[in-house]
Amino acid sequence: MSQRKRIWERVPGDPQIAAELSTNCGISLGVAKALVNRGIIDEKSAGRFLAPDVADMHDPFCLPDMTAAAGRVLDAVRRGERIRIYGDYDVDGVSSVALAVSVLRAYGANVDYYIPNRLVEGYGLSIEAVQKAASDAVDVMITADCGIGAFKEAEAAHSLGVDLIITDHHEADEGVPQCVAVVNPKRHDSEYPFKELAGVGVIFKLCQALWRLAGRPDGQADPKSHLDLAALGTIADVVPLLDENRIIARAGLAMMGHSSNLGIQSLLDVAGLAGREVKAGNVGFTLGPRVNAAGRLGDPSLGARLFLTDSRQEASELAAMLDEENRKRQEIEQAILRQVWEPVSKMNTQSTRAIVLGSETWHTGVIGIVASKIAEMTFRPTVLVSFEGDVGRGSARSIPGFNLFSALTECSDLLLKYGGHAQAAGLSIRAADLEAFRERLNRIGHERLSQDDLVPRLRFDDELPEADISDSLARELAALEPHGLGNPSPVFVTRNMLVLEQRSVGADGRHLKLKLGRGDAVVGAIGFRMTRRYSEVARNSAEVDVAYSLDLNEWNGSTHVEMNLKDIRRSTVG
């Protein structure tokens, strides 16, 4: 099995609506087309998209159980009761914990936090954690980014006298755990207007509700002071950057470069981003992996400690530790990827609809990243399981058109535990059930995925003539940032571009640098990990068709447009 060549598909937009939007909003036709392609077709929606404002966020009390949750928390603060925040170990969970603790400390609350060790305790709230809270005389326990499936744990909390408040954003079954409050926009009875908040987004809404009940105090109690943390978790969790997520991401990124949070400052330093404009891609590919590394390999509390410290020296030390953990994670990841690819490369492309593999040697904390890469390379749903004895913990990643959570639900009798989203999930399974699980997931894949579904698509917004590629267009398109799931960077296609210069760059020569064009219309292009691709499709060809997004590249005090290549083909015409 090898990586499939992508089909280029133009997004079916409406040119008349785009023209009207361009005129009514005073924006370029290129930007208007991109908006229409993202479902934004009226002037009001376009205005909110192009100028997202925190004031436009939805009422937090529209979330289910929010009145009960915020009221109980405020009572606990005023009574001096002990509050514990229980979070997940990924960036979303860690930032959720840091945000909740920061806000509650600003109220003078008696608050602490706990993040479970992925390798020892696994995902989610546990009976042991509830028992520990009770023995520590915790009065109120608030989950962050987990808990929607904690039915037995909620019963235990009630019996032990711990008031449990669940905040989560993962898919919910028909019922919810019985506790003080279950705040989740994806509850089946939820009427909240936006369902796709990250875990930290739900915590942000809880903090908003608390702030309003407390009379809107100034300072760090105002959740807007922590939008940088909220943006970090939101972007890293790959939720759609639309609606409230877009508001959080846009405002938080604007704060991040001059953040008052010492942990964020130190993280930017070790990542080489200090003094630079921070973009969504920097969070997803540079900052997020460093925070995640601690939870993947060892002590998940490092990230929370980083974001909560008041010591610049401690912040620097913790950021350096995360940087080193991330380097180790990369080494382990590459080793596992090589091991996984060996059997995957020999699989039959016709019969394999889902990849399910397990091993006792794979690191539990890293297999999710490897599963994501295998799914991308093969365009098949992928589940990797790390076994310890008879039981394994698995990470699953999917492709468009295959709802992973729904498929796992059909396999629930073979699983000890599972949870997650349509495109990413976690599970635990007995070794004896792995083969049956593989067969059933493949059967479900054959039922739900056609051959066309197994061919990756590259969707582009418009075809541009060479003369339209300009600095001004790139600047106009920047208004659509931040980009991510639900709002991808606009992709354009230009055909029959003359290759004037090409070279390999990077430590291993995997990246491709090109100069394309004719006469005065020459533009630079960068293709990350595309050197081999270029050698396959463009050898002995002077002209190429390219799919790309447009960036503004700053170098030596000057700014110029640059193509960020998504794919490249040999020209068939001209």
Protein backbone atom coordinates (compact mmCIF):
# COMPACT_ATOMS: atom_id res chain seq x y z
CA MET A 1 0.00 0.00 0.00
CA SER A 2 1.36 3.41 -0.93
CA GLN A 3 0.22 6.98 -0.72
CA ARG A 4 -2.42 7.76 -3.35
CA LYS A 5 -2.11 10.67 -5.78
CA ARG A 6 -4.67 13.33 -5.03
CA ILE A 7 -7.55 14.42 -7.22
CA TRP A 8 -7.77 18.19 -7.67
CA GLU A 9 -11.32 19.44 -7.19
CA ARG A 10 -12.53 22.98 -7.51
CA VAL A 11 -14.83 24.08 -4.69
CA PRO A 12 -18.25 24.68 -6.26
CA GLY A 13 -18.89 28.32 -5.42
CA ASP A 14 -21.46 30.77 -6.77
CA PRO A 15 -19.73 33.54 -8.77
CA GLN A 16 -22.79 35.82 -8.66
CA ILE A 17 -23.04 35.69 -4.86
CA ALA A 18 -19.28 36.26 -4.65
CA ALA A 19 -19.56 39.33 -6.90
CA GLU A 20 -22.38 40.75 -4.77
CA LEU A 21 -20.48 40.06 -1.56
CA SER A 22 -17.41 41.78 -3.01
CA THR A 23 -19.43 44.89 -3.85
CA ASN A 24 -21.49 45.04 -0.66
CA CYS A 25 -18.56 44.43 1.71
CA GLY A 26 -15.92 46.39 -0.18
CA ILE A 27 -13.60 43.38 -0.43
CA SER A 28 -11.72 41.90 -3.35
CA LEU A 29 -13.39 39.29 -5.51
CA GLY A 30 -10.73 36.76 -4.49
CA VAL A 31 -11.57 37.15 -0.80
CA ALA A 32 -15.30 37.10 -1.57
CA LYS A 33 -14.95 33.84 -3.50
CA ALA A 34 -13.06 32.27 -0.60
CA LEU A 35 -15.81 33.35 1.82
CA VAL A 36 -18.56 31.93 -0.38
CA ASN A 37 -16.62 28.67 -0.68
CA ARG A 38 -16.72 28.48 3.14
CA GLY A 39 -20.48 28.97 3.28
CA ILE A 40 -20.38 32.69 4.12
CA ILE A 41 -22.79 34.24 1.67
CA ASP A 42 -24.32 37.33 3.32
CA GLU A 43 -22.92 40.69 4.36
CA LYS A 44 -23.55 40.26 8.09
CA SER A 45 -21.84 36.85 8.27
CA ALA A 46 -18.92 38.15 6.21
CA GLY A 47 -18.49 41.12 8.55
CA ARG A 48 -18.41 38.90 11.62
CA PHE A 49 -16.00 36.49 9.95
CA LEU A 50 -13.57 39.17 8.81
CA ALA A 51 -13.73 41.10 12.10
CA PRO A 52 -14.46 38.53 14.85
CA ASP A 53 -15.26 40.20 18.15
CA VAL A 54 -15.36 38.73 21.66
CA ALA A 55 -18.52 40.77 22.21
CA ASP A 56 -20.25 38.55 19.63
CA MET A 57 -19.76 35.36 21.66
CA HIS A 58 -22.86 33.44 22.69
CA ASP A 59 -24.43 33.68 26.13
CA PRO A 60 -22.64 31.10 28.32
CA PHE A 61 -25.86 30.39 30.20
CA CYS A 62 -27.31 28.89 27.01
CA LEU A 63 -25.07 25.87 27.60
CA PRO A 64 -26.81 23.01 29.40
CA ASP A 65 -26.43 23.03 33.20
CA MET A 66 -24.32 26.21 33.12
CA THR A 67 -26.45 28.01 35.71
CA ALA A 68 -26.02 25.13 38.15
CA ALA A 69 -22.30 24.79 37.40
CA ALA A 70 -21.37 28.46 37.75
CA GLY A 71 -23.60 28.90 40.79
CA ARG A 72 -22.04 25.96 42.63
CA VAL A 73 -18.50 27.12 41.81
CA LEU A 74 -19.17 30.67 43.01
CA ASP A 75 -20.67 29.31 46.24
CA ALA A 76 -17.55 27.18 46.76
CA VAL A 77 -15.31 30.21 46.20
CA ARG A 78 -17.23 32.35 48.70
CA ARG A 79 -17.32 29.61 51.33
CA GLY A 80 -13.61 28.80 50.96
CA GLU A 81 -14.40 25.23 49.96
CA ARG A 82 -11.71 23.14 48.32
CA ILE A 83 -12.00 22.96 44.51
CA ARG A 84 -10.06 20.56 42.30
CA ILE A 85 -9.73 20.85 38.52
CA TYR A 86 -9.27 17.46 36.86
CA GLY A 87 -7.96 17.74 33.30
CA ASP A 88 -6.84 15.73 30.31
CA TYR A 89 -3.14 15.42 29.48
CA ASP A 90 -3.16 16.96 25.98
CA VAL A 91 -2.80 20.65 25.09
CA ASP A 92 -6.55 21.20 25.26
CA GLY A 93 -6.77 19.65 28.71
CA VAL A 94 -3.64 21.33 30.05
CA SER A 95 -4.70 24.78 28.84
CA SER A 96 -8.17 24.15 30.27
CA VAL A 97 -6.68 23.39 33.68
CA ALA A 98 -4.40 26.43 33.56
CA LEU A 99 -7.26 28.72 32.51
CA ALA A 100 -9.63 27.46 35.22
CA VAL A 101 -7.02 27.61 37.97
CA SER A 102 -5.83 31.09 36.91
CA VAL A 103 -9.35 32.51 36.99
CA LEU A 104 -10.29 30.83 40.27
CA ARG A 105 -7.08 32.01 41.92
CA ALA A 106 -8.01 35.54 40.89
CA TYR A 107 -11.17 35.12 42.99
CA GLY A 108 -9.08 33.90 45.92
CA ALA A 109 -10.43 30.36 45.61
CA ASN A 110 -8.95 27.38 47.43
CA VAL A 111 -8.15 25.50 44.23
CA ASP A 112 -5.70 22.85 43.07
CA TYR A 113 -5.54 20.61 40.02
CA TYR A 114 -4.75 17.08 38.90
CA ILE A 115 -3.82 15.72 35.48
CA PRO A 116 -3.65 11.92 35.13
CA ASN A 117 -0.58 10.18 33.79
CA ARG A 118 -1.46 8.81 30.34
CA LEU A 119 0.90 5.84 30.70
CA VAL A 120 -0.30 4.78 34.16
CA GLU A 121 -3.90 5.97 34.57
CA GLY A 122 -5.11 6.37 31.00
CA TYR A 123 -7.68 8.83 29.72
CA GLY A 124 -10.56 10.33 31.65
CA LEU A 125 -11.91 10.51 35.15
CA SER A 126 -11.31 7.39 37.25
CA ILE A 127 -12.82 5.95 40.42
CA GLU A 128 -9.39 6.21 42.03
CA ALA A 129 -9.23 9.93 41.25
CA VAL A 130 -12.64 10.47 42.84
CA GLN A 131 -11.60 8.51 45.91
CA LYS A 132 -8.40 10.55 46.17
CA ALA A 133 -10.42 13.77 45.96
CA ALA A 134 -12.66 12.59 48.77
CA SER A 135 -9.68 11.63 50.95
CA ASP A 136 -8.19 15.08 50.28
CA ALA A 137 -11.44 16.71 51.48
CA VAL A 138 -12.21 18.18 48.06
CA ASP A 139 -15.70 19.70 48.05
CA VAL A 140 -16.09 20.45 44.33
CA MET A 141 -14.39 18.59 41.50
CA ILE A 142 -14.51 20.09 38.00
CA THR A 143 -13.47 18.02 34.99
CA ALA A 144 -11.88 19.77 32.02
CA ASP A 145 -11.91 18.20 28.55
CA CYS A 146 -13.15 14.85 29.90
CA GLY A 147 -15.90 13.16 31.89
CA ILE A 148 -18.87 12.84 29.54
CA GLY A 149 -18.75 9.05 29.90
CA ALA A 150 -17.95 8.98 33.63
CA PHE A 151 -21.22 7.40 34.82
CA LYS A 152 -19.73 5.16 37.51
CA GLU A 153 -17.33 7.87 38.61
CA ALA A 154 -20.23 10.31 39.04
CA GLU A 155 -22.02 7.78 41.24
CA ALA A 156 -18.86 7.33 43.31
CA ALA A 157 -18.46 11.11 43.70
CA HIS A 158 -22.03 11.42 44.96
CA SER A 159 -21.63 8.58 47.44
CA LEU A 160 -18.37 10.07 48.75
CA GLY A 161 -19.76 13.60 49.16
CA VAL A 162 -17.81 15.22 46.30
CA ASP A 163 -19.85 17.62 44.17
CA LEU A 164 -18.88 16.78 40.59
CA ILE A 165 -19.15 19.27 37.71
CA ILE A 166 -18.33 17.83 34.28
CA THR A 167 -17.17 20.13 31.48
CA ASP A 168 -16.42 18.36 28.23
CA HIS A 169 -16.80 18.65 24.47
CA HIS A 170 -16.57 15.03 23.34
CA GLU A 171 -19.45 13.15 21.77
CA ALA A 172 -22.21 12.36 24.25
CA ASP A 173 -24.54 9.35 24.48
CA GLU A 174 -28.26 9.82 25.04
CA GLY A 175 -27.86 10.04 28.81
CA VAL A 176 -25.34 11.97 30.90
CA PRO A 177 -23.72 11.19 34.25
CA GLN A 178 -25.77 12.16 37.29
CA CYS A 179 -23.94 14.95 39.09
CA VAL A 180 -24.24 18.66 39.91
CA ALA A 181 -23.83 19.70 36.27
CA VAL A 182 -22.76 18.36 32.88
CA VAL A 183 -21.71 21.26 30.66
CA ASN A 184 -21.20 20.02 27.12
CA PRO A 185 -22.44 21.68 23.91
CA LYS A 186 -22.77 18.22 22.32
CA ARG A 187 -25.32 16.94 24.81
CA HIS A 188 -28.34 15.64 22.92
CA ASP A 189 -30.57 18.10 24.75
CA SER A 190 -28.21 21.02 24.12
CA GLU A 191 -29.64 24.04 22.32
CA TYR A 192 -26.35 25.92 22.34
CA PRO A 193 -25.87 27.60 18.94
CA PHE A 194 -22.29 26.34 18.43
CA LYS A 195 -21.47 22.70 19.10
CA GLU A 196 -17.77 22.62 18.21
CA LEU A 197 -16.05 24.28 21.18
CA ALA A 198 -12.79 22.72 22.36
CA GLY A 199 -12.52 21.60 25.97
CA VAL A 200 -10.80 24.86 26.84
CA GLY A 201 -13.62 26.70 25.08
CA VAL A 202 -16.15 25.08 27.44
CA ILE A 203 -13.99 26.07 30.43
CA PHE A 204 -13.78 29.60 28.99
CA LYS A 205 -17.60 29.71 28.88
CA LEU A 206 -17.75 28.51 32.50
CA CYS A 207 -15.35 31.30 33.45
CA GLN A 208 -17.51 33.78 31.55
CA ALA A 209 -20.59 32.65 33.44
CA LEU A 210 -18.73 32.83 36.76
CA TRP A 211 -17.48 36.32 35.90
CA ARG A 212 -21.01 37.53 35.19
CA LEU A 213 -22.42 36.03 38.39
CA ALA A 214 -19.60 37.66 40.36
CA GLY A 215 -20.41 41.12 38.99
CA ARG A 216 -17.80 41.31 36.19
CA PRO A 217 -14.69 42.05 38.29
CA ASP A 218 -11.59 43.49 36.62
CA GLY A 219 -8.19 41.89 36.27
CA GLN A 220 -7.32 38.21 35.97
CA ALA A 221 -10.82 37.10 36.97
CA ASP A 222 -11.99 38.33 33.55
CA PRO A 223 -11.59 35.32 31.23
CA LYS A 224 -10.67 37.65 28.36
CA SER A 225 -7.32 38.09 30.13
CA HIS A 226 -6.58 34.45 29.32
CA LEU A 227 -7.63 34.26 25.68
CA ASP A 228 -4.04 33.34 24.76
CA LEU A 229 -4.38 30.12 26.77
CA ALA A 230 -7.82 29.48 25.30
CA ALA A 231 -6.46 29.96 21.77
CA LEU A 232 -3.56 27.60 22.43
CA GLY A 233 -5.85 24.73 23.40
CA THR A 234 -8.49 25.50 20.79
CA ILE A 235 -6.07 25.53 17.85
CA ALA A 236 -4.04 22.55 19.08
CA ASP A 237 -7.17 20.41 19.46
CA VAL A 238 -7.99 20.84 15.75
CA VAL A 239 -11.59 21.91 16.22
CA PRO A 240 -13.25 23.94 13.43
CA LEU A 241 -11.95 27.51 13.54
CA LEU A 242 -15.39 28.96 12.99
CA ASP A 243 -17.88 30.91 15.10
CA GLU A 244 -16.68 31.14 18.73
CA ASN A 245 -13.54 29.12 18.03
CA ARG A 246 -12.54 31.69 15.41
CA ILE A 247 -13.17 34.53 17.88
CA ILE A 248 -11.05 32.80 20.54
CA ALA A 249 -8.26 31.91 18.12
CA ARG A 250 -8.06 35.34 16.47
CA ALA A 251 -8.09 37.29 19.75
CA GLY A 252 -5.78 34.83 21.53
CA LEU A 253 -3.18 34.79 18.76
CA ALA A 254 -3.11 38.60 18.78
CA MET A 255 -2.33 38.45 22.53
CA MET A 256 0.18 35.62 22.37
CA GLY A 257 3.20 37.52 21.06
CA HIS A 258 3.06 39.92 24.02
CA SER A 259 1.44 37.56 26.52
CA SER A 260 1.63 38.36 30.22
CA ASN A 261 1.75 34.62 30.87
CA LEU A 262 5.39 33.77 31.67
CA GLY A 263 4.91 30.20 30.51
CA ILE A 264 3.73 31.26 27.07
CA GLN A 265 6.62 33.72 26.84
CA SER A 266 9.16 30.99 27.65
CA LEU A 267 7.52 28.53 25.28
CA LEU A 268 7.82 31.06 22.46
CA ASP A 269 11.49 31.55 23.38
CA VAL A 270 12.46 27.86 23.15
CA ALA A 271 10.44 27.47 19.96
CA GLY A 272 12.26 30.37 18.28
CA LEU A 273 9.07 32.43 17.96
CA ALA A 274 9.81 35.25 20.41
CA GLY A 275 9.25 38.65 18.84
CA ARG A 276 7.41 37.21 15.84
CA GLU A 277 3.77 37.23 14.88
CA VAL A 278 2.26 33.96 16.13
CA LYS A 279 -0.02 32.19 13.66
CA ALA A 280 -2.27 29.17 13.95
CA GLY A 281 0.32 27.00 12.21
CA ASN A 282 2.90 27.92 14.85
CA VAL A 283 0.53 26.67 17.55
CA GLY A 284 -0.37 23.49 15.72
CA PHE A 285 3.11 22.45 14.62
CA THR A 286 5.52 24.15 17.03
CA LEU A 287 4.01 25.13 20.38
CA GLY A 288 1.35 22.45 20.76
CA PRO A 289 3.68 19.47 20.23
CA ARG A 290 6.00 20.73 22.98
CA VAL A 291 3.17 20.91 25.49
CA ASN A 292 1.82 17.56 24.35
CA ALA A 293 5.20 15.88 24.66
CA ALA A 294 5.11 15.88 28.46
CA GLY A 295 1.75 14.13 28.55
CA ARG A 296 2.88 11.63 25.93
CA LEU A 297 6.14 10.60 27.56
CA GLY A 298 5.88 11.25 31.26
CA ASP A 299 4.75 13.98 33.65
CA PRO A 300 1.65 15.68 32.16
CA SER A 301 1.65 18.39 34.83
CA LEU A 302 4.72 20.10 33.31
CA GLY A 303 2.56 22.09 30.91
CA ALA A 304 0.13 23.23 33.60
CA ARG A 305 3.01 24.21 35.88
CA LEU A 306 4.53 26.17 32.99
CA PHE A 307 1.36 28.20 32.40
CA LEU A 308 0.67 28.76 36.10
CA THR A 309 4.10 29.76 37.39
CA ASP A 310 4.88 33.27 38.60
CA SER A 311 8.63 32.67 38.32
CA ARG A 312 10.43 33.63 35.12
CA GLN A 313 13.28 31.26 35.97
CA GLU A 314 10.95 28.33 36.58
CA ALA A 315 9.10 29.11 33.35
CA SER A 316 12.39 29.01 31.40
CA GLU A 317 13.40 25.72 33.03
CA LEU A 318 10.01 24.09 32.38
CA ALA A 319 9.94 25.28 28.75
CA ALA A 320 13.41 23.81 28.22
CA MET A 321 12.23 20.50 29.71
CA LEU A 322 9.25 20.44 27.34
CA ASP A 323 11.53 21.21 24.42
CA GLU A 324 13.74 18.24 25.31
CA GLU A 325 10.73 15.96 25.81
CA ASN A 326 9.50 16.94 22.36
CA ARG A 327 12.86 16.02 20.82
CA LYS A 328 12.65 12.58 22.47
CA ARG A 329 9.07 12.21 21.25
CA GLN A 330 10.15 12.87 17.67
CA GLU A 331 12.80 10.14 17.84
CA ILE A 332 10.36 7.59 19.26
CA GLU A 333 7.72 8.57 16.72
CA GLN A 334 10.05 7.99 13.77
CA ALA A 335 11.06 4.57 15.09
CA ILE A 336 7.44 3.46 15.49
CA LEU A 337 6.48 4.89 12.09
CA ARG A 338 9.13 2.74 10.42
CA GLN A 339 7.88 -0.35 12.27
CA VAL A 340 4.25 0.29 11.37
CA TRP A 341 4.92 1.07 7.74
CA GLU A 342 6.56 -2.30 7.10
CA PRO A 343 3.33 -4.35 7.36
CA VAL A 344 1.14 -1.51 6.05
CA SER A 345 3.16 -1.26 2.82
CA LYS A 346 2.36 -4.92 2.10
CA MET A 347 -1.41 -4.65 2.63
CA ASN A 348 -3.87 -5.19 -0.23
CA THR A 349 -5.32 -1.83 -1.22
CA GLN A 350 -8.60 -3.40 -2.41
CA SER A 351 -9.45 -5.43 0.66
CA THR A 352 -8.11 -3.08 3.33
CA ARG A 353 -10.66 -0.47 4.35
CA ALA A 354 -9.28 0.12 7.85
CA ILE A 355 -5.83 -0.45 9.32
CA VAL A 356 -5.71 -2.05 12.78
CA LEU A 357 -2.33 -3.03 14.24
CA GLY A 358 -0.98 -3.67 17.70
CA SER A 359 2.34 -4.23 19.44
CA GLU A 360 3.79 -4.57 22.91
CA THR A 361 6.78 -2.40 21.97
CA TRP A 362 5.02 0.78 20.87
CA HIS A 363 4.95 3.78 23.18
CA THR A 364 1.35 4.50 24.21
CA GLY A 365 1.89 8.23 24.24
CA VAL A 366 3.11 8.47 20.66
CA ILE A 367 0.92 6.05 18.68
CA GLY A 368 -1.74 8.71 18.09
CA ILE A 369 0.67 10.81 16.05
CA VAL A 370 1.81 7.75 14.09
CA ALA A 371 -1.81 6.70 13.46
CA SER A 372 -2.48 10.16 12.07
CA LYS A 373 0.47 9.90 9.69
CA ILE A 374 -0.48 6.40 8.51
CA ALA A 375 -4.06 7.56 7.87
CA GLU A 376 -2.70 10.47 5.85
CA MET A 377 -0.27 8.30 3.86
CA THR A 378 -2.74 5.51 3.05
CA PHE A 379 -6.04 7.39 3.22
CA ARG A 380 -7.50 4.68 5.44
CA PRO A 381 -8.93 4.89 8.98
CA THR A 382 -6.10 3.74 11.25
CA VAL A 383 -6.06 2.25 14.74
CA LEU A 384 -2.80 1.52 16.54
CA VAL A 385 -2.82 -0.31 19.87
CA SER A 386 -0.04 -0.54 22.43
CA PHE A 387 -0.39 -3.69 24.53
CA GLU A 388 0.80 -4.28 28.05
CA GLY A 389 -0.01 -7.86 28.84
CA ASP A 390 -3.53 -8.82 27.78
CA VAL A 391 -4.91 -5.30 27.50
CA GLY A 392 -3.96 -2.53 25.09
CA ARG A 393 -4.62 1.19 24.75
CA GLY A 394 -5.25 2.44 21.27
CA SER A 395 -5.39 5.66 19.28
CA ALA A 396 -7.52 5.97 16.16
CA ARG A 397 -7.52 8.50 13.34
CA SER A 398 -9.93 8.69 10.42
CA ILE A 399 -10.43 10.17 6.96
CA PRO A 400 -13.24 12.38 5.61
CA GLY A 401 -16.40 10.37 5.09
CA PHE A 402 -15.79 7.85 7.87
CA ASN A 403 -17.23 8.65 11.30
CA LEU A 404 -14.84 6.94 13.64
CA PHE A 405 -16.88 7.42 16.81
CA SER A 406 -19.93 5.90 15.15
CA ALA A 407 -17.87 2.94 13.87
CA LEU A 408 -16.38 2.31 17.31
CA THR A 409 -19.88 2.36 18.77
CA GLU A 410 -20.74 -0.53 16.44
CA CYS A 411 -17.70 -2.35 17.83
CA SER A 412 -18.40 -1.49 21.46
CA ASP A 413 -18.90 -5.12 22.50
CA LEU A 414 -15.26 -5.76 21.54
CA LEU A 415 -13.91 -2.72 23.37
CA LEU A 416 -13.32 -2.18 27.06
CA LYS A 417 -13.61 1.58 26.67
CA TYR A 418 -13.73 4.17 23.89
CA GLY A 419 -14.43 7.83 23.30
CA GLY A 420 -13.63 10.78 21.08
CA HIS A 421 -14.81 12.42 17.87
CA ALA A 422 -15.71 11.56 14.29
CA GLN A 423 -12.08 11.92 13.17
CA ALA A 424 -10.06 10.96 16.27
CA ALA A 425 -10.69 8.62 19.17
CA GLY A 426 -9.10 6.55 21.90
CA LEU A 427 -9.93 3.05 23.06
CA SER A 428 -8.86 0.10 25.17
CA ILE A 429 -9.17 -3.52 24.06
CA ARG A 430 -8.19 -7.05 25.05
CA ALA A 431 -5.48 -8.66 22.92
CA ALA A 432 -7.78 -11.61 22.29
CA ASP A 433 -10.34 -9.31 20.63
CA LEU A 434 -7.97 -7.43 18.31
CA GLU A 435 -8.45 -9.68 15.27
CA ALA A 436 -12.23 -9.63 15.59
CA PHE A 437 -12.11 -5.85 15.94
CA ARG A 438 -9.94 -5.58 12.82
CA GLU A 439 -12.36 -7.70 10.81
CA ARG A 440 -15.42 -5.79 11.97
CA LEU A 441 -13.91 -2.36 11.40
CA ASN A 442 -12.94 -3.45 7.89
CA ARG A 443 -16.47 -4.71 7.29
CA ILE A 444 -17.87 -1.37 8.42
CA GLY A 445 -15.34 0.32 6.14
CA HIS A 446 -16.55 -1.70 3.15
CA GLU A 447 -20.13 -0.74 3.97
CA ARG A 448 -19.46 2.98 4.34
CA LEU A 449 -16.50 3.74 2.08
CA SER A 450 -16.56 3.52 -1.69
CA GLN A 451 -13.45 3.39 -3.86
CA ASP A 452 -13.88 7.11 -4.52
CA ASP A 453 -13.87 7.77 -0.77
CA LEU A 454 -10.40 6.21 -0.58
CA VAL A 455 -8.85 8.70 -2.98
CA PRO A 456 -7.63 11.90 -1.29
CA ARG A 457 -8.91 15.16 -2.68
CA LEU A 458 -7.17 18.49 -2.91
CA ARG A 459 -9.89 21.10 -2.99
CA PHE A 460 -8.96 24.47 -4.44
CA ASP A 461 -10.82 27.77 -4.40
CA ASP A 462 -9.99 29.23 -7.78
CA GLU A 463 -7.69 29.16 -10.79
CA LEU A 464 -5.40 32.18 -11.00
CA PRO A 465 -3.48 33.46 -13.99
CA GLU A 466 0.15 34.22 -13.23
CA ALA A 467 -0.46 37.96 -13.45
CA ASP A 468 -2.90 37.85 -10.50
CA ILE A 469 -0.34 36.44 -8.04
CA SER A 470 0.69 39.49 -6.05
CA ASP A 471 1.68 40.90 -2.66
CA SER A 472 -1.61 42.79 -2.49
CA LEU A 473 -3.69 39.64 -2.99
CA ALA A 474 -1.73 37.84 -0.26
CA ARG A 475 -2.35 40.76 2.12
CA GLU A 476 -6.08 40.72 1.38
CA LEU A 477 -6.28 36.97 1.95
CA ALA A 478 -4.59 37.38 5.34
CA ALA A 479 -7.94 38.74 6.60
CA LEU A 480 -9.23 35.15 6.45
CA GLU A 481 -6.74 33.94 9.06
CA PRO A 482 -6.43 32.09 11.36
CA HIS A 483 -6.67 28.98 9.23
CA GLY A 484 -7.45 25.48 10.36
CA LEU A 485 -10.20 22.88 10.28
CA GLY A 486 -13.35 24.42 8.82
CA ASN A 487 -11.42 27.39 7.48
CA PRO A 488 -8.49 26.08 5.46
CA SER A 489 -6.05 28.43 3.84
CA PRO A 490 -7.40 29.33 0.37
CA VAL A 491 -5.81 27.14 -2.28
CA PHE A 492 -5.33 28.25 -5.86
CA VAL A 493 -4.23 26.52 -9.04
CA THR A 494 -2.05 28.09 -11.72
CA ARG A 495 -1.22 26.06 -14.81
CA ASN A 496 1.72 26.00 -17.19
CA MET A 497 4.18 27.81 -14.97
CA LEU A 498 7.72 27.82 -16.25
CA VAL A 499 10.32 26.43 -13.83
CA LEU A 500 13.18 28.91 -13.80
CA GLU A 501 15.10 27.50 -10.85
CA GLN A 502 14.81 24.58 -8.46
CA ARG A 503 16.84 23.37 -5.48
CA SER A 504 16.49 21.23 -2.39
CA VAL A 505 16.67 22.86 1.04
CA GLY A 506 16.59 21.78 4.66
CA ALA A 507 18.95 19.62 6.66
CA ASP A 508 17.92 16.48 4.77
CA GLY A 509 17.09 18.13 1.45
CA ARG A 510 13.41 17.11 1.65
CA HIS A 511 12.04 20.60 1.00
CA LEU A 512 11.74 22.11 -2.44
CA LYS A 513 12.45 25.71 -3.47
CA LEU A 514 11.34 26.90 -6.89
CA LYS A 515 11.24 30.07 -8.94
CA LEU A 516 8.31 30.09 -11.34
CA GLY A 517 7.03 32.47 -13.98
CA ARG A 518 8.03 34.46 -17.01
CA GLY A 519 9.58 37.84 -17.58
CA ASP A 520 8.87 40.19 -14.68
CA ALA A 521 6.16 37.91 -13.24
CA VAL A 522 8.47 35.63 -11.24
CA VAL A 523 7.38 34.22 -7.89
CA GLY A 524 9.16 32.04 -5.35
CA ALA A 525 7.63 28.79 -4.09
CA ILE A 526 8.33 26.47 -1.18
CA GLY A 527 7.17 22.86 -1.10
CA PHE A 528 7.66 21.21 2.28
CA ARG A 529 8.69 17.54 1.95
CA MET A 530 8.16 17.81 -1.82
CA THR A 531 11.61 17.21 -3.28
CA ARG A 532 10.79 13.59 -4.12
CA ARG A 533 7.39 14.56 -5.47
CA TYR A 534 8.99 17.09 -7.82
CA SER A 535 11.49 14.55 -9.10
CA GLU A 536 8.61 12.18 -9.92
CA VAL A 537 6.30 14.55 -11.79
CA ALA A 538 8.43 17.31 -13.26
CA ARG A 539 11.63 15.67 -14.50
CA ASN A 540 12.37 16.72 -18.09
CA SER A 541 9.42 19.10 -17.99
CA ALA A 542 9.96 22.84 -18.10
CA GLU A 543 6.36 23.66 -17.18
CA VAL A 544 4.27 22.60 -14.21
CA ASP A 545 0.76 22.99 -12.81
CA VAL A 546 0.83 23.98 -9.16
CA ALA A 547 -1.72 24.03 -6.33
CA TYR A 548 -0.74 26.44 -3.55
CA SER A 549 -1.69 28.94 -0.91
CA LEU A 550 -0.22 32.44 -0.80
CA ASP A 551 1.97 33.67 2.05
CA LEU A 552 3.82 36.90 2.73
CA ASN A 553 7.47 36.08 3.32
CA GLU A 554 9.49 38.60 5.33
CA TRP A 555 13.23 38.48 4.75
CA ASN A 556 15.96 41.05 5.36
CA GLY A 557 13.44 43.81 5.92
CA SER A 558 11.45 43.21 2.74
CA THR A 559 8.14 41.45 2.24
CA HIS A 560 7.14 39.52 -0.86
CA VAL A 561 4.55 36.99 -1.90
CA GLU A 562 5.49 33.31 -1.85
CA MET A 563 3.65 30.20 -2.96
CA ASN A 564 3.25 27.49 -0.32
CA LEU A 565 2.90 24.45 -2.55
CA LYS A 566 0.25 21.83 -1.80
CA ASP A 567 0.81 19.72 -4.92
CA ILE A 568 2.66 19.86 -8.22
CA ARG A 569 2.06 18.18 -11.58
CA ARG A 570 3.61 18.05 -15.00
CA SER A 571 1.72 20.42 -17.29
CA THR A 572 -0.35 18.62 -19.90
CA VAL A 573 -1.09 21.66 -22.06
CA GLY A 574 1.23 24.23 -23.58
